[in-house]
Amino acid sequence: MAIITLTTDFGEKDHFVGAVKGAIYTELDPIRIVDISHSISPFHITEAAYIIQNAYKSFPLGTIH
């Protein structure tokens, strides 16, 4: 089963994270989705890169980040 991680600046106060997950599950079943963070500062690419850099090593090869 493939793994996709999500790292976004969406926050968790609205429907966006759920909508993205729903769209992924609709297109790619079976799949496992792992939330790394949805609290990245808006448009802060360096912050997102830092978070992903420190998290990706914990996932098996072939994981989509």
PDB file of N, CA and C in Angstrom:
ATOM      1  N   MET A   1       0.847  -1.174   0.000  1.00  0.00           N
ATOM      2  CA  MET A   1       0.000   0.000   0.000  1.00  0.00           C
ATOM      3  C   MET A   1       0.894   1.240   0.000  1.00  0.00           C
ATOM      4  N   ALA A   2       0.617   2.147  -0.906  1.00  0.00           N
ATOM      5  CA  ALA A   2       1.406   3.373  -1.016  1.00  0.00           C
ATOM      6  C   ALA A   2       1.101   4.314   0.145  1.00  0.00           C
ATOM      7  N   ILE A   3       2.092   5.144   0.475  1.00  0.00           N
ATOM      8  CA  ILE A   3       1.937   6.149   1.528  1.00  0.00           C
ATOM      9  C   ILE A   3       2.136   7.526   0.915  1.00  0.00           C
ATOM     10  N   ILE A   4       1.245   8.442   1.254  1.00  0.00           N
ATOM     11  CA  ILE A   4       1.376   9.852   0.886  1.00  0.00           C
ATOM     12  C   ILE A   4       1.377  10.647   2.181  1.00  0.00           C
ATOM     13  N   THR A   5       2.348  11.564   2.334  1.00  0.00           N
ATOM     14  CA  THR A   5       2.331  12.449   3.493  1.00  0.00           C
ATOM     15  C   THR A   5       1.827  13.821   3.061  1.00  0.00           C
ATOM     16  N   LEU A   6       1.181  14.504   3.998  1.00  0.00           N
ATOM     17  CA  LEU A   6       0.685  15.851   3.725  1.00  0.00           C
ATOM     18  C   LEU A   6       1.351  16.846   4.672  1.00  0.00           C
ATOM     19  N   THR A   7       1.925  17.878   4.109  1.00  0.00           N
ATOM     20  CA  THR A   7       2.499  18.991   4.854  1.00  0.00           C
ATOM     21  C   THR A   7       1.977  20.246   4.187  1.00  0.00           C
ATOM     22  N   THR A   8       1.125  20.995   4.889  1.00  0.00           N
ATOM     23  CA  THR A   8       0.465  22.144   4.273  1.00  0.00           C
ATOM     24  C   THR A   8       0.435  23.339   5.219  1.00  0.00           C
ATOM     25  N   ASP A   9      -0.010  24.450   4.668  1.00  0.00           N
ATOM     26  CA  ASP A   9      -0.269  25.650   5.470  1.00  0.00           C
ATOM     27  C   ASP A   9      -1.774  25.875   5.614  1.00  0.00           C
ATOM     28  N   PHE A  10      -2.564  24.816   5.475  1.00  0.00           N
ATOM     29  CA  PHE A  10      -4.029  24.926   5.496  1.00  0.00           C
ATOM     30  C   PHE A  10      -4.592  25.201   6.886  1.00  0.00           C
ATOM     31  N   GLY A  11      -3.890  24.805   7.937  1.00  0.00           N
ATOM     32  CA  GLY A  11      -4.479  24.854   9.269  1.00  0.00           C
ATOM     33  C   GLY A  11      -5.503  23.735   9.398  1.00  0.00           C
ATOM     34  N   GLU A  12      -6.227  23.731  10.520  1.00  0.00           N
ATOM     35  CA  GLU A  12      -7.212  22.665  10.735  1.00  0.00           C
ATOM     36  C   GLU A  12      -8.565  23.222  11.158  1.00  0.00           C
ATOM     37  N   LYS A  13      -8.851  24.463  10.768  1.00  0.00           N
ATOM     38  CA  LYS A  13     -10.107  25.088  11.179  1.00  0.00           C
ATOM     39  C   LYS A  13     -11.184  25.034  10.112  1.00  0.00           C
ATOM     40  N   ASP A  14     -10.868  24.469   8.962  1.00  0.00           N
ATOM     41  CA  ASP A  14     -11.853  24.439   7.885  1.00  0.00           C
ATOM     42  C   ASP A  14     -11.835  23.081   7.195  1.00  0.00           C
ATOM     43  N   HIS A  15     -12.402  23.009   6.041  1.00  0.00           N
ATOM     44  CA  HIS A  15     -12.600  21.732   5.339  1.00  0.00           C
ATOM     45  C   HIS A  15     -11.459  21.331   4.404  1.00  0.00           C
ATOM     46  N   PHE A  16     -10.454  22.163   4.219  1.00  0.00           N
ATOM     47  CA  PHE A  16      -9.479  21.937   3.156  1.00  0.00           C
ATOM     48  C   PHE A  16      -8.693  20.632   3.299  1.00  0.00           C
ATOM     49  N   VAL A  17      -8.209  20.320   4.481  1.00  0.00           N
ATOM     50  CA  VAL A  17      -7.446  19.077   4.662  1.00  0.00           C
ATOM     51  C   VAL A  17      -8.326  17.868   4.358  1.00  0.00           C
ATOM     52  N   GLY A  18      -9.530  17.880   4.868  1.00  0.00           N
ATOM     53  CA  GLY A  18     -10.457  16.777   4.598  1.00  0.00           C
ATOM     54  C   GLY A  18     -10.791  16.647   3.129  1.00  0.00           C
ATOM     55  N   ALA A  19     -10.955  17.785   2.451  1.00  0.00           N
ATOM     56  CA  ALA A  19     -11.267  17.756   1.020  1.00  0.00           C
ATOM     57  C   ALA A  19     -10.108  17.178   0.214  1.00  0.00           C
ATOM     58  N   VAL A  20      -8.880  17.556   0.564  1.00  0.00           N
ATOM     59  CA  VAL A  20      -7.709  17.015  -0.140  1.00  0.00           C
ATOM     60  C   VAL A  20      -7.615  15.505   0.084  1.00  0.00           C
ATOM     61  N   LYS A  21      -7.794  15.081   1.327  1.00  0.00           N
ATOM     62  CA  LYS A  21      -7.740  13.643   1.615  1.00  0.00           C
ATOM     63  C   LYS A  21      -8.837  12.894   0.867  1.00  0.00           C
ATOM     64  N   GLY A  22     -10.030  13.443   0.850  1.00  0.00           N
ATOM     65  CA  GLY A  22     -11.127  12.804   0.127  1.00  0.00           C
ATOM     66  C   GLY A  22     -10.827  12.650  -1.345  1.00  0.00           C
ATOM     67  N   ALA A  23     -10.248  13.692  -1.946  1.00  0.00           N
ATOM     68  CA  ALA A  23      -9.892  13.634  -3.368  1.00  0.00           C
ATOM     69  C   ALA A  23      -8.828  12.572  -3.626  1.00  0.00           C
ATOM     70  N   ILE A  24      -7.846  12.481  -2.736  1.00  0.00           N
ATOM     71  CA  ILE A  24      -6.792  11.472  -2.902  1.00  0.00           C
ATOM     72  C   ILE A  24      -7.383  10.071  -2.772  1.00  0.00           C
ATOM     73  N   TYR A  25      -8.200   9.845  -1.740  1.00  0.00           N
ATOM     74  CA  TYR A  25      -8.813   8.523  -1.565  1.00  0.00           C
ATOM     75  C   TYR A  25      -9.708   8.149  -2.745  1.00  0.00           C
ATOM     76  N   THR A  26     -10.381   9.124  -3.326  1.00  0.00           N
ATOM     77  CA  THR A  26     -11.243   8.851  -4.476  1.00  0.00           C
ATOM     78  C   THR A  26     -10.442   8.359  -5.670  1.00  0.00           C
ATOM     79  N   GLU A  27      -9.273   8.926  -5.873  1.00  0.00           N
ATOM     80  CA  GLU A  27      -8.455   8.596  -7.043  1.00  0.00           C
ATOM     81  C   GLU A  27      -7.508   7.423  -6.817  1.00  0.00           C
ATOM     82  N   LEU A  28      -7.064   7.201  -5.591  1.00  0.00           N
ATOM     83  CA  LEU A  28      -5.963   6.265  -5.346  1.00  0.00           C
ATOM     84  C   LEU A  28      -6.256   5.276  -4.224  1.00  0.00           C
ATOM     85  N   ASP A  29      -7.317   4.545  -4.320  1.00  0.00           N
ATOM     86  CA  ASP A  29      -7.623   3.559  -3.292  1.00  0.00           C
ATOM     87  C   ASP A  29      -6.985   2.235  -3.676  1.00  0.00           C
ATOM     88  N   PRO A  30      -6.315   1.481  -2.841  1.00  0.00           N
ATOM     89  CA  PRO A  30      -6.014   1.748  -1.443  1.00  0.00           C
ATOM     90  C   PRO A  30      -4.743   2.586  -1.284  1.00  0.00           C
ATOM     91  N   ILE A  31      -4.754   3.439  -0.306  1.00  0.00           N
ATOM     92  CA  ILE A  31      -3.614   4.324  -0.035  1.00  0.00           C
ATOM     93  C   ILE A  31      -3.639   4.690   1.445  1.00  0.00           C
ATOM     94  N   ARG A  32      -2.504   5.019   1.981  1.00  0.00           N
ATOM     95  CA  ARG A  32      -2.425   5.495   3.359  1.00  0.00           C
ATOM     96  C   ARG A  32      -1.952   6.945   3.322  1.00  0.00           C
ATOM     97  N   ILE A  33      -2.667   7.820   4.020  1.00  0.00           N
ATOM     98  CA  ILE A  33      -2.301   9.233   4.089  1.00  0.00           C
ATOM     99  C   ILE A  33      -1.862   9.541   5.512  1.00  0.00           C
ATOM    100  N   VAL A  34      -0.686  10.165   5.641  1.00  0.00           N
ATOM    101  CA  VAL A  34      -0.149  10.533   6.949  1.00  0.00           C
ATOM    102  C   VAL A  34      -0.002  12.048   6.993  1.00  0.00           C
ATOM    103  N   ASP A  35      -0.582  12.671   8.015  1.00  0.00           N
ATOM    104  CA  ASP A  35      -0.438  14.113   8.207  1.00  0.00           C
ATOM    105  C   ASP A  35       0.870  14.383   8.940  1.00  0.00           C
ATOM    106  N   ILE A  36       1.757  15.129   8.312  1.00  0.00           N
ATOM    107  CA  ILE A  36       2.973  15.560   9.003  1.00  0.00           C
ATOM    108  C   ILE A  36       2.676  16.862   9.740  1.00  0.00           C
ATOM    109  N   SER A  37       2.177  17.858   9.029  1.00  0.00           N
ATOM    110  CA  SER A  37       1.792  19.126   9.655  1.00  0.00           C
ATOM    111  C   SER A  37       0.869  19.894   8.724  1.00  0.00           C
ATOM    112  N   HIS A  38      -0.086  20.585   9.329  1.00  0.00           N
ATOM    113  CA  HIS A  38      -0.928  21.526   8.582  1.00  0.00           C
ATOM    114  C   HIS A  38      -0.818  22.907   9.208  1.00  0.00           C
ATOM    115  N   SER A  39       0.261  23.121   9.969  1.00  0.00           N
ATOM    116  CA  SER A  39       0.464  24.371  10.694  1.00  0.00           C
ATOM    117  C   SER A  39       1.667  25.157  10.190  1.00  0.00           C
ATOM    118  N   ILE A  40       2.088  24.901   8.964  1.00  0.00           N
ATOM    119  CA  ILE A  40       3.177  25.676   8.372  1.00  0.00           C
ATOM    120  C   ILE A  40       2.701  27.118   8.227  1.00  0.00           C
ATOM    121  N   SER A  41       3.582  28.073   8.470  1.00  0.00           N
ATOM    122  CA  SER A  41       3.224  29.479   8.251  1.00  0.00           C
ATOM    123  C   SER A  41       2.872  29.669   6.784  1.00  0.00           C
ATOM    124  N   PRO A  42       1.845  30.468   6.493  1.00  0.00           N
ATOM    125  CA  PRO A  42       1.405  30.633   5.096  1.00  0.00           C
ATOM    126  C   PRO A  42       2.539  31.005   4.141  1.00  0.00           C
ATOM    127  N   PHE A  43       2.672  30.224   3.080  1.00  0.00           N
ATOM    128  CA  PHE A  43       3.631  30.439   1.997  1.00  0.00           C
ATOM    129  C   PHE A  43       5.093  30.380   2.449  1.00  0.00           C
ATOM    130  N   HIS A  44       5.374  29.780   3.596  1.00  0.00           N
ATOM    131  CA  HIS A  44       6.742  29.740   4.134  1.00  0.00           C
ATOM    132  C   HIS A  44       7.416  28.450   3.671  1.00  0.00           C
ATOM    133  N   ILE A  45       7.993  28.490   2.496  1.00  0.00           N
ATOM    134  CA  ILE A  45       8.581  27.304   1.869  1.00  0.00           C
ATOM    135  C   ILE A  45       9.750  26.758   2.682  1.00  0.00           C
ATOM    136  N   THR A  46      10.558  27.641   3.252  1.00  0.00           N
ATOM    137  CA  THR A  46      11.704  27.191   4.036  1.00  0.00           C
ATOM    138  C   THR A  46      11.252  26.408   5.265  1.00  0.00           C
ATOM    139  N   GLU A  47      10.217  26.871   5.909  1.00  0.00           N
ATOM    140  CA  GLU A  47       9.672  26.160   7.073  1.00  0.00           C
ATOM    141  C   GLU A  47       9.150  24.783   6.670  1.00  0.00           C
ATOM    142  N   ALA A  48       8.426  24.723   5.569  1.00  0.00           N
ATOM    143  CA  ALA A  48       7.908  23.443   5.080  1.00  0.00           C
ATOM    144  C   ALA A  48       9.053  22.492   4.741  1.00  0.00           C
ATOM    145  N   ALA A  49      10.087  23.017   4.096  1.00  0.00           N
ATOM    146  CA  ALA A  49      11.240  22.185   3.738  1.00  0.00           C
ATOM    147  C   ALA A  49      11.915  21.625   4.985  1.00  0.00           C
ATOM    148  N   TYR A  50      12.050  22.439   6.012  1.00  0.00           N
ATOM    149  CA  TYR A  50      12.657  21.988   7.266  1.00  0.00           C
ATOM    150  C   TYR A  50      11.839  20.849   7.888  1.00  0.00           C
ATOM    151  N   ILE A  51      10.528  21.021   7.935  1.00  0.00           N
ATOM    152  CA  ILE A  51       9.649  19.996   8.513  1.00  0.00           C
ATOM    153  C   ILE A  51       9.755  18.688   7.724  1.00  0.00           C
ATOM    154  N   ILE A  52       9.670  18.779   6.410  1.00  0.00           N
ATOM    155  CA  ILE A  52       9.734  17.573   5.574  1.00  0.00           C
ATOM    156  C   ILE A  52      11.103  16.918   5.673  1.00  0.00           C
ATOM    157  N   GLN A  53      12.165  17.733   5.663  1.00  0.00           N
ATOM    158  CA  GLN A  53      13.529  17.198   5.754  1.00  0.00           C
ATOM    159  C   GLN A  53      13.706  16.357   7.016  1.00  0.00           C
ATOM    160  N   ASN A  54      13.095  16.780   8.101  1.00  0.00           N
ATOM    161  CA  ASN A  54      13.251  16.059   9.356  1.00  0.00           C
ATOM    162  C   ASN A  54      12.278  14.899   9.517  1.00  0.00           C
ATOM    163  N   ALA A  55      11.241  14.850   8.707  1.00  0.00           N
ATOM    164  CA  ALA A  55      10.247  13.784   8.831  1.00  0.00           C
ATOM    165  C   ALA A  55      10.427  12.666   7.810  1.00  0.00           C
ATOM    166  N   TYR A  56      10.906  12.985   6.617  1.00  0.00           N
ATOM    167  CA  TYR A  56      10.882  11.993   5.532  1.00  0.00           C
ATOM    168  C   TYR A  56      11.715  10.758   5.836  1.00  0.00           C
ATOM    169  N   LYS A  57      12.757  10.906   6.643  1.00  0.00           N
ATOM    170  CA  LYS A  57      13.627   9.771   6.956  1.00  0.00           C
ATOM    171  C   LYS A  57      12.901   8.673   7.740  1.00  0.00           C
ATOM    172  N   SER A  58      11.778   9.024   8.333  1.00  0.00           N
ATOM    173  CA  SER A  58      11.019   8.064   9.138  1.00  0.00           C
ATOM    174  C   SER A  58      10.070   7.202   8.312  1.00  0.00           C
ATOM    175  N   PHE A  59      10.029   7.446   7.006  1.00  0.00           N
ATOM    176  CA  PHE A  59       9.088   6.744   6.131  1.00  0.00           C
ATOM    177  C   PHE A  59       9.830   5.814   5.183  1.00  0.00           C
ATOM    178  N   PRO A  60       9.175   4.744   4.741  1.00  0.00           N
ATOM    179  CA  PRO A  60       9.828   3.814   3.814  1.00  0.00           C
ATOM    180  C   PRO A  60      10.074   4.448   2.446  1.00  0.00           C
ATOM    181  N   LEU A  61      11.043   3.896   1.735  1.00  0.00           N
ATOM    182  CA  LEU A  61      11.301   4.344   0.366  1.00  0.00           C
ATOM    183  C   LEU A  61      10.033   4.209  -0.458  1.00  0.00           C
ATOM    184  N   GLY A  62       9.822   5.147  -1.348  1.00  0.00           N
ATOM    185  CA  GLY A  62       8.640   5.124  -2.190  1.00  0.00           C
ATOM    186  C   GLY A  62       7.507   5.978  -1.656  1.00  0.00           C
ATOM    187  N   THR A  63       7.651   6.476  -0.419  1.00  0.00           N
ATOM    188  CA  THR A  63       6.629   7.363   0.136  1.00  0.00           C
ATOM    189  C   THR A  63       6.617   8.658  -0.656  1.00  0.00           C
ATOM    190  N   ILE A  64       5.428   9.176  -0.903  1.00  0.00           N
ATOM    191  CA  ILE A  64       5.265  10.436  -1.633  1.00  0.00           C
ATOM    192  C   ILE A  64       5.074  11.542  -0.612  1.00  0.00           C
ATOM    193  N   HIS A  65       5.969  12.541  -0.660  1.00  0.00           N
ATOM    194  CA  HIS A  65       5.906  13.662   0.293  1.00  0.00           C
ATOM    195  C   HIS A  65       5.448  14.912  -0.424  1.00  0.00           C
TER     196      HIS A  65
END
